[in-house]
């Protein structure tokens, strides 16, 4: 049968203004940790770019979560948000478009974190 859509907490790349004279060291870890906490609080699967899979797994291991990071290729159902201008370089090649109807992405390679119980340490 056809699987029902599931919500995703979507995390795109962390970027900085190329002209800004700031260090970005540690940003990915901080942002990913925050996103994991948010996913836990919302009980929603976190979806991150596949290049963050190893870092995501290290955080999962550090926090003794019951699930592993899972690499997937999935299509995402995008629901309209009151015809607000959407902007994403990852979800659609259209970038900056008015979305007024359901759309499905091309298959996207992502890494998922599913909130769950903490592992027991016996």
N, C-alpha and C. Protein backbone atom coordinates (compact mmCIF):
# COMPACT_ATOMS: atom_id res chain seq x y z
N UNK A 1 0.81 -1.18 0.00
CA UNK A 1 0.00 0.00 0.00
C UNK A 1 0.86 1.25 0.00
N UNK A 2 0.20 2.34 -0.20
CA UNK A 2 0.87 3.63 -0.22
C UNK A 2 1.09 4.11 1.21
N UNK A 3 2.32 4.55 1.50
CA UNK A 3 2.69 5.02 2.83
C UNK A 3 2.21 6.46 3.02
N UNK A 4 1.65 6.74 4.18
CA UNK A 4 1.21 8.10 4.50
C UNK A 4 2.42 9.01 4.70
N UNK A 5 2.29 10.28 4.30
CA UNK A 5 3.40 11.22 4.52
C UNK A 5 3.67 11.40 6.02
N UNK A 6 4.93 11.59 6.35
CA UNK A 6 5.34 11.85 7.74
C UNK A 6 5.98 13.23 7.79
N UNK A 7 5.78 13.95 8.89
CA UNK A 7 6.41 15.28 8.99
C UNK A 7 7.93 15.15 9.12
N UNK A 8 8.64 16.18 8.68
CA UNK A 8 10.09 16.24 8.80
C UNK A 8 10.48 17.61 9.37
N UNK A 9 11.46 17.60 10.25
CA UNK A 9 12.13 18.83 10.65
C UNK A 9 13.32 18.94 9.70
N UNK A 10 13.27 19.86 8.77
CA UNK A 10 14.22 19.97 7.67
C UNK A 10 15.33 20.94 8.04
N UNK A 11 16.56 20.48 7.96
CA UNK A 11 17.71 21.35 8.22
C UNK A 11 18.53 21.48 6.95
N UNK A 12 18.60 22.69 6.44
CA UNK A 12 19.44 22.96 5.27
C UNK A 12 20.84 23.29 5.74
N UNK A 13 21.72 23.50 4.80
CA UNK A 13 23.11 23.85 5.08
C UNK A 13 23.20 25.11 5.93
N UNK A 14 24.15 25.13 6.84
CA UNK A 14 24.42 26.32 7.62
C UNK A 14 25.39 27.17 6.81
N UNK A 15 24.95 28.37 6.47
CA UNK A 15 25.76 29.26 5.64
C UNK A 15 26.11 30.53 6.40
N UNK A 16 27.11 31.22 5.90
CA UNK A 16 27.52 32.51 6.44
C UNK A 16 27.81 33.42 5.26
N UNK A 17 27.61 34.69 5.45
CA UNK A 17 27.94 35.66 4.42
C UNK A 17 29.43 35.50 4.10
N UNK A 18 29.75 35.31 2.83
CA UNK A 18 31.14 35.05 2.45
C UNK A 18 32.08 36.21 2.80
N UNK A 19 31.54 37.39 2.94
CA UNK A 19 32.34 38.56 3.26
C UNK A 19 32.54 38.73 4.77
N UNK A 20 31.79 37.99 5.58
CA UNK A 20 31.88 38.15 7.03
C UNK A 20 33.18 37.56 7.56
N UNK A 21 33.93 38.33 8.33
CA UNK A 21 35.20 37.83 8.88
C UNK A 21 34.99 37.09 10.20
N UNK A 22 34.23 35.98 10.14
CA UNK A 22 33.94 35.21 11.35
C UNK A 22 34.32 33.75 11.14
N UNK A 23 34.65 33.10 12.24
CA UNK A 23 34.95 31.67 12.19
C UNK A 23 33.64 30.89 12.30
N UNK A 24 33.49 29.89 11.45
CA UNK A 24 32.29 29.05 11.51
C UNK A 24 32.57 27.73 12.22
N UNK A 25 33.77 27.58 12.77
CA UNK A 25 34.14 26.35 13.45
C UNK A 25 33.17 26.08 14.60
N UNK A 26 32.64 24.89 14.64
CA UNK A 26 31.74 24.51 15.72
C UNK A 26 30.27 24.78 15.43
N UNK A 27 29.98 25.52 14.36
CA UNK A 27 28.59 25.85 14.06
C UNK A 27 27.77 24.61 13.74
N UNK A 28 28.30 23.73 12.90
CA UNK A 28 27.53 22.54 12.51
C UNK A 28 27.15 21.72 13.72
N UNK A 29 28.10 21.53 14.63
CA UNK A 29 27.84 20.74 15.84
C UNK A 29 26.74 21.40 16.68
N UNK A 30 26.84 22.71 16.89
CA UNK A 30 25.85 23.42 17.70
C UNK A 30 24.47 23.41 17.05
N UNK A 31 24.42 23.68 15.76
CA UNK A 31 23.14 23.72 15.06
C UNK A 31 22.52 22.33 15.02
N UNK A 32 23.33 21.30 14.77
CA UNK A 32 22.82 19.94 14.72
C UNK A 32 22.32 19.48 16.10
N UNK A 33 23.05 19.82 17.15
CA UNK A 33 22.61 19.49 18.52
C UNK A 33 21.27 20.15 18.83
N UNK A 34 21.14 21.43 18.45
CA UNK A 34 19.88 22.15 18.68
C UNK A 34 18.74 21.50 17.89
N UNK A 35 19.00 21.14 16.63
CA UNK A 35 17.97 20.53 15.78
C UNK A 35 17.54 19.18 16.35
N UNK A 36 18.49 18.40 16.88
CA UNK A 36 18.13 17.11 17.50
C UNK A 36 17.22 17.33 18.72
N UNK A 37 17.56 18.32 19.56
CA UNK A 37 16.71 18.61 20.72
C UNK A 37 15.32 19.03 20.27
N UNK A 38 15.25 19.85 19.24
CA UNK A 38 13.95 20.28 18.70
C UNK A 38 13.15 19.09 18.18
N UNK A 39 13.82 18.20 17.45
CA UNK A 39 13.15 17.00 16.93
C UNK A 39 12.61 16.15 18.08
N UNK A 40 13.42 16.01 19.14
CA UNK A 40 12.96 15.26 20.32
C UNK A 40 11.73 15.91 20.94
N UNK A 41 11.79 17.24 21.12
CA UNK A 41 10.67 17.96 21.74
C UNK A 41 9.40 17.86 20.89
N UNK A 42 9.57 17.91 19.57
CA UNK A 42 8.43 17.86 18.66
C UNK A 42 8.01 16.43 18.32
N UNK A 43 8.88 15.46 18.66
CA UNK A 43 8.69 14.06 18.29
C UNK A 43 8.50 13.93 16.77
N UNK A 44 9.40 14.60 16.03
CA UNK A 44 9.36 14.61 14.57
C UNK A 44 10.74 14.21 14.06
N UNK A 45 10.78 13.45 12.99
CA UNK A 45 12.04 13.02 12.38
C UNK A 45 12.81 14.23 11.84
N UNK A 46 14.09 14.28 12.18
CA UNK A 46 14.99 15.32 11.69
C UNK A 46 15.63 14.84 10.39
N UNK A 47 15.63 15.69 9.37
CA UNK A 47 16.25 15.38 8.09
C UNK A 47 17.37 16.37 7.83
N UNK A 48 18.60 15.84 7.65
CA UNK A 48 19.76 16.69 7.40
C UNK A 48 20.45 16.22 6.12
N UNK A 49 21.30 17.09 5.57
CA UNK A 49 22.03 16.69 4.37
C UNK A 49 22.92 15.49 4.69
N UNK A 50 23.08 14.62 3.73
CA UNK A 50 23.78 13.35 3.96
C UNK A 50 25.22 13.54 4.42
N UNK A 51 25.85 14.66 4.06
CA UNK A 51 27.24 14.89 4.48
C UNK A 51 27.36 15.07 5.99
N UNK A 52 26.26 15.32 6.68
CA UNK A 52 26.28 15.47 8.13
C UNK A 52 25.99 14.16 8.86
N UNK A 53 25.86 13.06 8.12
CA UNK A 53 25.51 11.77 8.70
C UNK A 53 26.47 11.29 9.79
N UNK A 54 27.78 11.39 9.55
CA UNK A 54 28.75 10.94 10.55
C UNK A 54 28.68 11.78 11.82
N UNK A 55 28.56 13.09 11.66
CA UNK A 55 28.44 13.98 12.82
C UNK A 55 27.14 13.70 13.57
N UNK A 56 26.07 13.50 12.84
CA UNK A 56 24.79 13.17 13.45
C UNK A 56 24.89 11.87 14.25
N UNK A 57 25.54 10.85 13.69
CA UNK A 57 25.69 9.58 14.40
C UNK A 57 26.53 9.76 15.67
N UNK A 58 27.58 10.58 15.62
CA UNK A 58 28.39 10.84 16.82
C UNK A 58 27.54 11.49 17.91
N UNK A 59 26.68 12.43 17.54
CA UNK A 59 25.80 13.06 18.53
C UNK A 59 24.79 12.06 19.08
N UNK A 60 24.25 11.21 18.23
CA UNK A 60 23.31 10.18 18.67
C UNK A 60 23.99 9.26 19.68
N UNK A 61 25.21 8.83 19.37
CA UNK A 61 25.96 7.96 20.29
C UNK A 61 26.27 8.68 21.60
N UNK A 62 26.65 9.94 21.51
CA UNK A 62 26.99 10.74 22.70
C UNK A 62 25.78 10.87 23.63
N UNK A 63 24.60 11.05 23.05
CA UNK A 63 23.38 11.23 23.84
C UNK A 63 22.68 9.91 24.14
N UNK A 64 23.29 8.80 23.74
CA UNK A 64 22.76 7.45 24.00
C UNK A 64 21.33 7.29 23.52
N UNK A 65 21.07 7.78 22.31
CA UNK A 65 19.74 7.65 21.73
C UNK A 65 19.52 6.22 21.24
N UNK A 66 18.25 5.84 21.16
CA UNK A 66 17.95 4.45 20.80
C UNK A 66 17.96 4.19 19.30
N UNK A 67 18.07 5.21 18.48
CA UNK A 67 18.07 5.03 17.03
C UNK A 67 19.39 5.48 16.44
N UNK A 68 19.71 4.94 15.28
CA UNK A 68 20.90 5.35 14.54
C UNK A 68 20.51 6.35 13.45
N UNK A 69 21.49 7.07 12.94
CA UNK A 69 21.28 7.91 11.77
C UNK A 69 21.06 6.97 10.58
N UNK A 70 20.11 7.30 9.74
CA UNK A 70 19.76 6.44 8.61
C UNK A 70 19.86 7.24 7.32
N UNK A 71 20.67 6.75 6.37
CA UNK A 71 20.76 7.37 5.06
C UNK A 71 19.55 6.95 4.23
N UNK A 72 18.93 7.92 3.57
CA UNK A 72 17.75 7.62 2.75
C UNK A 72 17.81 8.41 1.45
N UNK A 73 17.02 7.96 0.49
CA UNK A 73 16.67 8.73 -0.70
C UNK A 73 15.16 8.77 -0.67
N UNK A 74 14.61 9.97 -0.46
CA UNK A 74 13.17 10.06 -0.37
C UNK A 74 12.65 11.30 -1.08
N UNK A 75 11.42 11.18 -1.50
CA UNK A 75 10.71 12.32 -2.06
C UNK A 75 9.95 12.99 -0.92
N UNK A 76 9.90 14.31 -0.95
CA UNK A 76 9.24 15.06 0.10
C UNK A 76 7.99 15.72 -0.48
N UNK A 77 6.88 15.54 0.21
CA UNK A 77 5.64 16.22 -0.16
C UNK A 77 5.68 17.62 0.45
N UNK A 78 5.64 18.63 -0.41
CA UNK A 78 5.63 20.02 0.03
C UNK A 78 4.20 20.52 -0.04
N UNK A 79 3.69 20.91 1.09
CA UNK A 79 2.33 21.45 1.12
C UNK A 79 2.41 22.97 1.01
N UNK A 80 1.41 23.59 0.37
CA UNK A 80 1.45 25.04 0.20
C UNK A 80 1.36 25.76 1.55
N UNK A 81 2.00 26.90 1.61
CA UNK A 81 1.97 27.70 2.83
C UNK A 81 1.38 29.06 2.52
N UNK A 82 0.12 29.04 2.14
CA UNK A 82 -0.66 30.26 1.87
C UNK A 82 -0.02 31.14 0.79
N UNK A 83 0.53 30.48 -0.23
CA UNK A 83 1.12 31.18 -1.38
C UNK A 83 2.24 32.13 -0.97
N UNK A 84 2.94 31.75 0.07
CA UNK A 84 4.11 32.53 0.48
C UNK A 84 5.27 32.15 -0.42
N UNK A 85 6.14 33.07 -0.67
CA UNK A 85 7.31 32.81 -1.50
C UNK A 85 8.22 31.81 -0.81
N UNK A 86 8.46 30.67 -1.45
CA UNK A 86 9.33 29.64 -0.91
C UNK A 86 10.73 29.86 -1.46
N UNK A 87 11.72 29.55 -0.64
CA UNK A 87 13.11 29.72 -1.08
C UNK A 87 13.94 28.55 -0.57
N UNK A 88 14.42 27.74 -1.48
CA UNK A 88 15.28 26.62 -1.12
C UNK A 88 16.09 26.21 -2.33
N UNK A 89 17.38 26.05 -2.12
CA UNK A 89 18.23 25.53 -3.18
C UNK A 89 18.24 24.01 -3.18
N UNK A 90 17.61 23.39 -2.20
CA UNK A 90 17.66 21.95 -2.02
C UNK A 90 16.36 21.25 -2.37
N UNK A 91 15.23 21.89 -2.09
CA UNK A 91 13.94 21.25 -2.30
C UNK A 91 13.46 21.32 -3.75
N UNK A 92 13.85 22.36 -4.44
CA UNK A 92 13.35 22.56 -5.80
C UNK A 92 14.35 23.37 -6.61
N UNK A 93 14.46 23.09 -7.88
CA UNK A 93 15.33 23.91 -8.73
C UNK A 93 14.71 25.28 -9.02
N UNK A 94 13.46 25.48 -8.61
CA UNK A 94 12.78 26.75 -8.90
C UNK A 94 13.31 27.91 -8.06
N UNK A 95 13.74 27.68 -6.84
CA UNK A 95 14.22 28.71 -5.91
C UNK A 95 13.42 30.01 -6.01
N UNK A 96 12.86 30.43 -4.91
CA UNK A 96 12.02 31.63 -4.83
C UNK A 96 10.78 31.49 -5.71
N UNK A 97 9.86 30.66 -5.29
CA UNK A 97 8.64 30.46 -6.06
C UNK A 97 7.44 30.55 -5.13
N UNK A 98 6.31 30.94 -5.70
CA UNK A 98 5.05 30.96 -4.96
C UNK A 98 4.48 29.56 -5.03
N UNK A 99 4.31 28.94 -3.87
CA UNK A 99 3.76 27.59 -3.84
C UNK A 99 2.30 27.66 -3.43
N UNK A 100 1.42 27.30 -4.35
CA UNK A 100 -0.01 27.37 -4.06
C UNK A 100 -0.71 26.02 -4.24
N UNK A 101 0.09 24.96 -4.43
CA UNK A 101 -0.47 23.61 -4.52
C UNK A 101 0.56 22.61 -4.01
N UNK A 102 0.11 21.40 -3.68
CA UNK A 102 1.02 20.34 -3.24
C UNK A 102 2.05 20.07 -4.34
N UNK A 103 3.29 19.84 -3.93
CA UNK A 103 4.35 19.48 -4.86
C UNK A 103 5.16 18.35 -4.24
N UNK A 104 5.75 17.52 -5.06
CA UNK A 104 6.61 16.43 -4.60
C UNK A 104 8.00 16.65 -5.19
N UNK A 105 9.01 16.56 -4.34
CA UNK A 105 10.39 16.78 -4.80
C UNK A 105 10.89 15.59 -5.60
N UNK A 106 11.97 15.80 -6.30
CA UNK A 106 12.72 14.69 -6.87
C UNK A 106 13.30 13.91 -5.68
N UNK A 107 13.75 12.67 -5.87
CA UNK A 107 14.37 11.95 -4.75
C UNK A 107 15.57 12.73 -4.20
N UNK A 108 15.61 12.87 -2.88
CA UNK A 108 16.67 13.61 -2.20
C UNK A 108 17.45 12.67 -1.30
N UNK A 109 18.77 12.78 -1.35
CA UNK A 109 19.64 11.98 -0.47
C UNK A 109 19.80 12.74 0.84
N UNK A 110 19.33 12.15 1.94
CA UNK A 110 19.33 12.81 3.24
C UNK A 110 19.73 11.80 4.31
N UNK A 111 19.95 12.30 5.51
CA UNK A 111 20.22 11.46 6.66
C UNK A 111 19.17 11.81 7.71
N UNK A 112 18.54 10.77 8.28
CA UNK A 112 17.43 10.99 9.21
C UNK A 112 17.80 10.59 10.64
N UNK A 113 17.26 11.36 11.58
CA UNK A 113 17.31 11.04 13.01
C UNK A 113 15.87 10.96 13.48
N UNK A 114 15.50 9.78 14.00
CA UNK A 114 14.15 9.59 14.53
C UNK A 114 14.22 9.63 16.04
N UNK A 115 13.49 10.55 16.67
CA UNK A 115 13.50 10.63 18.13
C UNK A 115 13.03 9.31 18.74
N UNK A 116 13.58 9.00 19.87
CA UNK A 116 13.21 7.77 20.57
C UNK A 116 13.72 7.80 21.98
N UNK A 117 13.58 6.67 22.62
CA UNK A 117 14.04 6.55 24.01
C UNK A 117 15.57 6.54 24.06
N UNK A 118 16.09 6.86 25.22
CA UNK A 118 17.53 6.76 25.45
C UNK A 118 17.87 5.28 25.65
N UNK A 119 19.08 4.90 25.26
CA UNK A 119 19.53 3.52 25.47
C UNK A 119 19.74 3.30 26.96
N UNK A 120 19.41 2.11 27.43
CA UNK A 120 19.67 1.81 28.83
C UNK A 120 21.12 1.34 28.97
N UNK A 121 21.75 1.73 30.04
CA UNK A 121 23.15 1.35 30.29
C UNK A 121 23.15 0.32 31.42
N UNK A 122 23.15 -0.95 31.03
CA UNK A 122 23.12 -2.02 32.03
C UNK A 122 24.50 -2.63 32.15
